[in-house]
Protein backbone atom coordinates (compact mmCIF):
# COMPACT_ATOMS: atom_id res chain seq x y z
CA UNK A 1 103.61 109.67 78.64
CA UNK A 2 105.86 111.34 81.18
CA UNK A 3 105.93 115.03 81.99
CA UNK A 4 108.99 115.30 79.82
CA UNK A 5 107.49 113.59 76.77
CA UNK A 6 104.31 115.64 76.87
CA UNK A 7 106.17 118.94 76.53
CA UNK A 8 106.98 119.96 72.94
CA UNK A 9 107.46 123.71 73.37
CA UNK A 10 110.89 123.27 74.89
CA UNK A 11 112.34 121.54 71.83
CA UNK A 12 114.97 123.64 70.02
CA UNK A 13 114.32 124.69 66.43
CA UNK A 14 114.42 121.79 63.95
CA UNK A 15 118.05 121.15 63.05
CA UNK A 16 118.63 117.49 62.25
CA UNK A 17 119.76 115.59 65.34
CA UNK A 18 119.62 118.79 67.41
CA UNK A 19 115.82 118.82 67.07
CA UNK A 20 115.57 116.04 69.65
CA UNK A 21 117.21 118.07 72.41
CA UNK A 22 114.93 119.22 75.22
CA UNK A 23 115.37 121.61 78.13
CA UNK A 24 113.41 122.59 81.23
CA UNK A 25 113.95 125.01 84.08
CA UNK A 26 113.06 123.95 87.62
CA UNK A 27 113.30 126.77 90.12
CA UNK A 28 116.42 128.60 88.98
CA UNK A 29 118.21 125.52 87.61
CA UNK A 30 118.32 124.66 83.92
CA UNK A 31 118.27 120.99 82.86
CA UNK A 32 118.89 119.19 79.60
CA UNK A 33 116.76 116.07 79.16
CA UNK A 34 118.61 113.13 77.64
CA UNK A 35 117.98 109.46 76.89
CA UNK A 36 120.83 107.46 78.39
CA UNK A 37 121.34 104.04 76.71
CA UNK A 38 120.92 100.96 78.89
CA UNK A 39 123.21 97.95 78.79
CA UNK A 40 120.35 95.59 77.94
CA UNK A 41 118.81 97.88 75.33
CA UNK A 42 116.39 100.78 75.52
CA UNK A 43 116.92 104.09 77.27
CA UNK A 44 116.41 105.75 80.62
CA UNK A 45 115.47 109.43 80.71
CA UNK A 46 117.86 111.61 82.72
CA UNK A 47 118.11 115.27 83.71
CA UNK A 48 121.54 116.86 83.33
CA UNK A 49 122.22 120.25 84.91
CA UNK A 50 122.91 122.75 82.13
CA UNK A 51 123.86 126.43 82.11
CA UNK A 52 122.28 129.46 80.50
CA UNK A 53 125.40 130.56 78.65
CA UNK A 54 125.80 127.24 76.83
CA UNK A 55 122.13 127.30 75.83
CA UNK A 56 122.48 130.87 74.56
CA UNK A 57 125.55 129.95 72.51
CA UNK A 58 123.76 126.97 70.94
CA UNK A 59 120.34 128.50 70.25
CA UNK A 60 120.55 132.26 70.67
CA UNK A 61 119.65 134.63 73.47
CA UNK A 62 115.89 134.53 72.85
CA UNK A 63 115.44 130.77 73.04
CA UNK A 64 115.67 130.49 76.84
CA UNK A 65 112.39 132.39 77.14
CA UNK A 66 110.56 129.45 75.54
CA UNK A 67 111.92 126.83 77.95
CA UNK A 68 109.13 125.41 80.21
CA UNK A 69 109.43 126.59 83.80
CA UNK A 70 108.42 124.84 87.02
CA UNK A 71 108.55 126.08 90.60
CA UNK A 72 110.16 122.87 91.83
CA UNK A 73 109.92 119.10 92.06
CA UNK A 74 107.30 116.98 93.80
CA UNK A 75 106.74 113.24 94.16
CA UNK A 76 103.10 112.19 93.78
CA UNK A 77 102.73 108.43 93.17
CA UNK A 78 99.84 107.48 90.88
CA UNK A 79 99.44 104.64 88.39
CA UNK A 80 95.93 105.43 87.24
CA UNK A 81 95.31 109.06 86.30
CA UNK A 82 99.01 109.88 86.49
CA UNK A 83 99.79 113.62 86.55
CA UNK A 84 103.18 114.63 85.10
CA UNK A 85 102.78 118.14 86.51
CA UNK A 86 101.04 118.88 89.81
CA UNK A 87 100.28 122.57 90.10
CA UNK A 88 103.53 124.21 89.03
CA UNK A 89 105.68 121.32 90.20
CA UNK A 90 107.26 118.63 88.05
CA UNK A 91 106.34 115.15 89.27
CA UNK A 92 109.43 113.01 89.86
CA UNK A 93 107.34 109.84 90.18
CA UNK A 94 107.54 107.94 86.92
CA UNK A 95 104.49 106.81 84.94
CA UNK A 96 104.26 103.15 83.98
CA UNK A 97 103.61 102.67 80.28
CA UNK A 98 101.56 99.46 80.48
CA UNK A 99 98.04 99.71 79.05
CA UNK A 100 95.71 97.37 80.99
CA UNK A 101 93.64 95.06 78.84
CA UNK A 102 91.74 91.87 79.54
CA UNK A 103 93.64 88.68 78.86
CA UNK A 104 95.50 85.66 80.22
CA UNK A 105 98.11 86.01 82.98
CA UNK A 106 98.59 82.36 83.96
CA UNK A 107 102.39 82.66 84.26
CA UNK A 108 102.09 85.61 86.66
CA UNK A 109 99.46 83.70 88.59
CA UNK A 110 101.77 80.70 88.93
CA UNK A 111 104.63 82.94 90.16
CA UNK A 112 102.44 84.64 92.77
CA UNK A 113 101.15 81.25 93.91
CA UNK A 114 104.73 79.93 94.17
CA UNK A 115 105.94 82.93 96.20
CA UNK A 116 102.96 83.27 98.55
CA UNK A 117 101.74 79.65 98.76
CA UNK A 118 98.76 79.34 101.12
CA UNK A 119 98.84 83.13 101.51
CA UNK A 120 98.13 83.55 97.78
CA UNK A 121 95.14 85.87 98.24
CA UNK A 122 97.15 88.04 100.65
CA UNK A 123 99.90 88.19 98.04
CA UNK A 124 97.40 89.35 95.43
CA UNK A 125 96.15 91.98 97.89
CA UNK A 126 99.74 93.15 98.39
CA UNK A 127 100.29 93.61 94.64
CA UNK A 128 96.88 95.23 94.19
CA UNK A 129 97.56 97.75 96.94
CA UNK A 130 100.92 98.61 95.37
CA UNK A 131 99.13 99.35 92.11
CA UNK A 132 95.95 101.06 93.28
CA UNK A 133 97.03 102.60 96.60
CA UNK A 134 100.76 103.35 96.24
CA UNK A 135 100.96 105.52 99.37
CA UNK A 136 99.54 102.78 101.64
CA UNK A 137 102.11 101.45 104.11
CA UNK A 138 102.76 97.73 103.68
CA UNK A 139 104.81 95.17 105.64
CA UNK A 140 108.45 94.47 104.84
CA UNK A 141 108.30 91.42 102.58
CA UNK A 142 111.24 89.08 103.23
CA UNK A 143 111.71 86.02 101.00
CA UNK A 144 114.15 83.43 102.37
CA UNK A 145 115.50 80.10 101.19
CA UNK A 146 118.81 78.27 101.45
CA UNK A 147 118.08 76.51 98.17
CA UNK A 148 118.95 77.77 94.71
CA UNK A 149 116.59 78.29 91.78
CA UNK A 150 113.64 79.29 93.95
CA UNK A 151 112.31 82.18 91.86
CA UNK A 152 113.11 84.90 94.42
CA UNK A 153 115.16 86.96 91.97
CA UNK A 154 112.58 86.36 89.24
CA UNK A 155 109.92 87.86 91.50
CA UNK A 156 112.07 90.96 92.08
CA UNK A 157 112.64 91.32 88.33
CA UNK A 158 108.90 90.94 87.77
CA UNK A 159 108.22 93.78 90.22
CA UNK A 160 110.76 95.90 88.35
CA UNK A 161 109.05 95.15 85.03
CA UNK A 162 105.64 95.87 86.57
CA UNK A 163 106.43 99.24 88.16
CA UNK A 164 109.42 100.10 85.97
CA UNK A 165 111.48 103.11 87.10
CA UNK A 166 109.62 103.29 90.40
CA UNK A 167 111.50 100.21 91.61
CA UNK A 168 115.17 100.38 92.58
CA UNK A 169 117.62 97.63 93.46
CA UNK A 170 119.63 98.51 96.56
CA UNK A 171 122.63 96.90 98.18
CA UNK A 172 123.12 96.45 101.92
CA UNK A 173 125.55 99.38 101.86
CA UNK A 174 122.93 101.70 100.34
CA UNK A 175 120.93 101.54 103.58
CA UNK A 176 123.99 102.64 105.54
CA UNK A 177 124.92 105.51 103.23
CA UNK A 178 123.94 109.05 104.20
CA UNK A 179 123.10 109.81 100.56
CA UNK A 180 119.66 108.53 99.65
CA UNK A 181 118.30 110.81 96.92
CA UNK A 182 118.38 108.03 94.30
CA UNK A 183 115.93 105.79 96.18
CA UNK A 184 113.95 107.90 98.66
CA UNK A 185 111.16 108.66 96.16
CA UNK A 186 110.62 105.12 94.86
CA UNK A 187 107.60 102.86 95.28
CA UNK A 188 109.64 99.73 95.95
CA UNK A 189 113.15 99.26 97.30
CA UNK A 190 114.32 95.70 96.69
CA UNK A 191 117.46 93.91 97.85
CA UNK A 192 118.42 90.63 96.18
CA UNK A 193 120.79 89.39 98.89
CA UNK A 194 120.05 91.14 102.13
CA UNK A 195 122.29 90.87 105.18
CA UNK A 196 121.37 93.57 107.68
CA UNK A 197 122.19 91.74 110.90
CA UNK A 198 123.38 94.76 112.86
CA UNK A 199 120.95 96.27 115.34
CA UNK A 200 121.24 99.75 113.82
CA UNK A 201 120.43 98.33 110.35
CA UNK A 202 117.31 96.64 111.64
CA UNK A 203 116.09 99.75 113.46
CA UNK A 204 116.66 101.91 110.39
CA UNK A 205 114.74 99.50 108.18
CA UNK A 206 111.81 99.30 110.60
CA UNK A 207 111.64 103.07 110.94
CA UNK A 208 111.70 103.56 107.17
CA UNK A 209 108.86 101.08 106.71
CA UNK A 210 106.47 103.15 108.83
CA UNK A 211 107.69 106.74 108.61
CA UNK A 212 105.54 109.30 106.81
CA UNK A 213 108.37 111.67 105.93
CA UNK A 214 112.09 111.35 105.34
CA UNK A 215 115.11 113.60 104.90
CA UNK A 216 116.53 113.31 101.39
CA UNK A 217 120.23 114.02 101.05
CA UNK A 218 122.37 114.23 97.91
CA UNK A 219 126.02 115.13 97.52
CA UNK A 220 126.55 118.87 97.51
CA UNK A 221 122.90 119.69 98.21
CA UNK A 222 120.90 120.70 101.25
CA UNK A 223 118.75 118.08 102.94
CA UNK A 224 115.09 118.19 102.00
CA UNK A 225 112.15 116.55 103.75
CA UNK A 226 109.76 114.59 101.53
CA UNK A 227 106.79 112.29 101.99
CA UNK A 228 108.07 108.72 102.17
CA UNK A 229 105.93 105.91 100.78
CA UNK A 230 108.49 103.27 99.73
CA UNK A 231 107.94 99.60 100.49
CA UNK A 232 110.70 97.03 100.99
CA UNK A 233 111.08 93.60 99.39
CA UNK A 234 114.13 91.68 100.60
CA UNK A 235 115.56 88.31 99.56
CA UNK A 236 118.11 86.19 101.38
CA UNK A 237 119.72 82.75 101.27
CA UNK A 238 120.05 82.98 105.06
CA UNK A 239 116.94 81.54 106.73
CA UNK A 240 118.14 82.22 110.27
CA UNK A 241 119.65 85.69 110.55
CA UNK A 242 119.17 87.89 107.45
CA UNK A 243 117.90 90.74 109.62
CA UNK A 244 117.30 91.20 113.33
CA UNK A 245 113.64 90.59 114.17
CA UNK A 246 112.58 90.72 117.80
CA UNK A 247 109.72 88.81 119.38
CA UNK A 248 106.42 90.65 118.93
CA UNK A 249 107.60 92.49 115.81
CA UNK A 250 104.72 92.98 113.35
CA UNK A 251 106.38 94.84 110.49
CA UNK A 252 107.78 91.80 108.69
CA UNK A 253 106.13 89.30 106.37
CA UNK A 254 108.58 86.41 105.99
CA UNK A 255 108.01 83.74 103.34
CA UNK A 256 110.07 80.56 102.97
CA UNK A 257 110.34 79.90 99.22
CA UNK A 258 110.60 76.36 97.85
CA UNK A 259 112.70 75.27 94.90
CA UNK A 260 111.09 75.61 91.47
CA UNK A 261 110.03 72.34 89.88
CA UNK A 262 111.17 73.44 86.41
CA UNK A 263 113.56 75.99 84.93
CA UNK A 264 112.11 78.06 82.08
CA UNK A 265 114.75 80.45 80.72
CA UNK A 266 112.05 82.52 78.97
CA UNK A 267 109.82 82.77 82.04
CA UNK A 268 110.54 86.46 82.75
CA UNK A 269 109.68 87.43 79.17
CA UNK A 270 106.40 85.54 79.48
CA UNK A 271 105.67 87.42 82.70
CA UNK A 272 106.33 90.77 81.04
CA UNK A 273 103.99 89.93 78.17
CA UNK A 274 101.16 89.27 80.64
CA UNK A 275 101.49 92.51 82.63
CA UNK A 276 98.70 94.42 80.78
CA UNK A 277 96.26 91.57 81.50
CA UNK A 278 97.40 91.37 85.12
CA UNK A 279 96.89 95.10 85.68
CA UNK A 280 93.40 94.84 84.18
CA UNK A 281 92.69 92.04 86.66
CA UNK A 282 93.99 94.12 89.61
CA UNK A 283 91.80 97.07 88.62
CA UNK A 284 88.66 94.93 88.85
CA UNK A 285 89.59 92.47 91.61
CA UNK A 286 87.90 92.68 95.03
CA UNK A 287 90.42 92.85 97.88
CA UNK A 288 90.23 89.82 100.18
CA UNK A 289 91.15 91.90 103.26
CA UNK A 290 90.22 95.21 104.83
CA UNK A 291 92.62 97.63 106.47
CA UNK A 292 93.25 96.45 110.04
CA UNK A 293 96.59 98.07 110.88
CA UNK A 294 98.87 100.90 109.76
CA UNK A 295 100.45 98.36 107.37
CA UNK A 296 97.00 97.26 106.16
CA UNK A 297 97.09 93.58 107.15
CA UNK A 298 96.19 92.11 110.51
CA UNK A 299 99.60 90.90 111.79
CA UNK A 300 98.17 87.50 112.72
CA UNK A 301 97.48 86.82 109.03
CA UNK A 302 101.15 87.27 108.16
CA UNK A 303 102.69 85.13 110.90
CA UNK A 304 104.73 82.26 109.43
CA UNK A 305 107.11 79.58 110.67
CA UNK A 306 109.86 81.32 108.66
CA UNK A 307 109.32 84.46 110.76
CA UNK A 308 109.42 82.46 113.97
CA UNK A 309 112.70 80.81 112.95
CA UNK A 310 114.37 84.23 112.55
CA UNK A 311 112.97 85.45 115.87
CA UNK A 312 114.36 82.39 117.63
CA UNK A 313 117.75 82.91 115.98
CA UNK A 314 117.82 86.53 117.11
CA UNK A 315 117.76 85.72 120.80
CA UNK A 316 120.88 86.91 122.57
CA UNK A 317 123.52 84.49 123.87
CA UNK A 318 122.46 84.78 127.51
CA UNK A 319 118.83 83.98 126.73
CA UNK A 320 119.94 80.87 124.83
CA UNK A 321 122.19 79.79 127.72
CA UNK A 322 119.36 80.24 130.23
CA UNK A 323 116.95 78.37 127.98
CA UNK A 324 119.35 75.41 127.60
CA UNK A 325 120.08 75.37 131.33
CA UNK A 326 116.41 75.23 132.29
CA UNK A 327 115.73 72.51 129.71
CA UNK A 328 118.61 70.40 131.09
CA UNK A 329 117.22 70.69 134.63
CA UNK A 330 113.70 69.78 133.49
CA UNK A 331 115.01 66.76 131.57
CA UNK A 332 117.14 65.55 134.48
CA UNK A 333 114.27 65.62 137.01
CA UNK A 334 111.57 64.58 134.54
CA UNK A 335 109.23 67.54 134.90
CA UNK A 336 107.34 69.77 132.48
CA UNK A 337 107.56 72.86 134.69
CA UNK A 338 110.38 74.63 136.48
CA UNK A 339 109.97 77.51 138.94
CA UNK A 340 112.89 79.65 140.05
CA UNK A 341 113.71 83.08 141.42
CA UNK A 342 116.20 85.61 140.14
CA UNK A 343 119.00 84.59 142.55
CA UNK A 344 118.58 80.88 141.69
CA UNK A 345 119.15 81.29 137.96
CA UNK A 346 122.04 83.69 138.56
CA UNK A 347 123.78 81.14 140.81
CA UNK A 348 123.19 78.33 138.30
CA UNK A 349 124.69 80.40 135.48
CA UNK A 350 127.79 81.16 137.57
CA UNK A 351 128.25 77.45 138.37
CA UNK A 352 127.89 76.73 134.64
CA UNK A 353 130.78 79.15 134.03
CA UNK A 354 128.63 81.61 132.10
CA UNK A 355 129.99 85.12 132.50
CA UNK A 356 127.02 87.31 133.24
CA UNK A 357 126.04 90.52 135.00
CA UNK A 358 123.01 90.81 137.26
CA UNK A 359 121.32 93.45 135.12
CA UNK A 360 121.63 91.20 132.04
CA UNK A 361 119.77 88.36 133.74
CA UNK A 362 117.12 90.77 134.98
CA UNK A 363 116.59 92.12 131.46
CA UNK A 364 116.07 88.63 130.00
CA UNK A 365 113.63 87.65 132.73
CA UNK A 366 111.63 90.83 132.26
């Protein structure tokens, strides 16, 4: 149960439908707790700012004294031994309501094997760390494929079902917005069709993946610094330039996803039914890796051809021109090596009608 559901003292006196209304006070702000209906059924619990006068009019002047009081909010991610209240602070991290129990999870196993392929055990480690060590930094997982019906979106929806309200779906624009209070305290930030091919987007994403704290900003409120533990899972139909990744970058884990062999319209429901068994498995599974970097995994374990393809595509125009020029010379003279000095390549580029500045050539060669 959540912090909200475990509190009964803040329910108003029994009065038909009114008996279900709940209130809390955090700091000096009064909130009404409501269940907002979802489009696909069920409810999501929300806090709505309330005022003392309205509460007094509805329930009398003495009722406000019985409303539970907290000093403020905190965000402490835990899936086992979840604490709705930490000290005198209300925990904004949401509990997951799955109850682990031993059983079959063959559909989940097949999905993980499809997404991670030969890196299956690393994929299991990734999911296990999310569940058991939610504050551990993990690489940015990027799933790419130009094909349709690959299961990328199904995997994102599975993560949402697994970690529930601690997963949020973002758009590309959300990363560029100054307001981030709706996703800064989440475990997973997923993007179904990522296209962050501007340098500033890439730098922001990389910084977020490793930062320990982050400034939260909401409309009409002061900025507040919080611990940042979110991980990123991105999907794209663009195999060449979904994000800018430079050579030597170790924060990305890029997987090329193949097309599914069959199309089961009930597959997601089958995955959801197996979550309790899967969590039981994760609780008792032995990790196949040990922590070897700030993002847990040794970067060499995560290197893939899909990552290399993006790195090659991210080379700037001048580097590509120089590369093609050198290859042409090597082909024409039939040699496997080509030695040149700075002035040689600059002269060759000018003769090839490539507009270039000296400092640009120097930067590429360095």
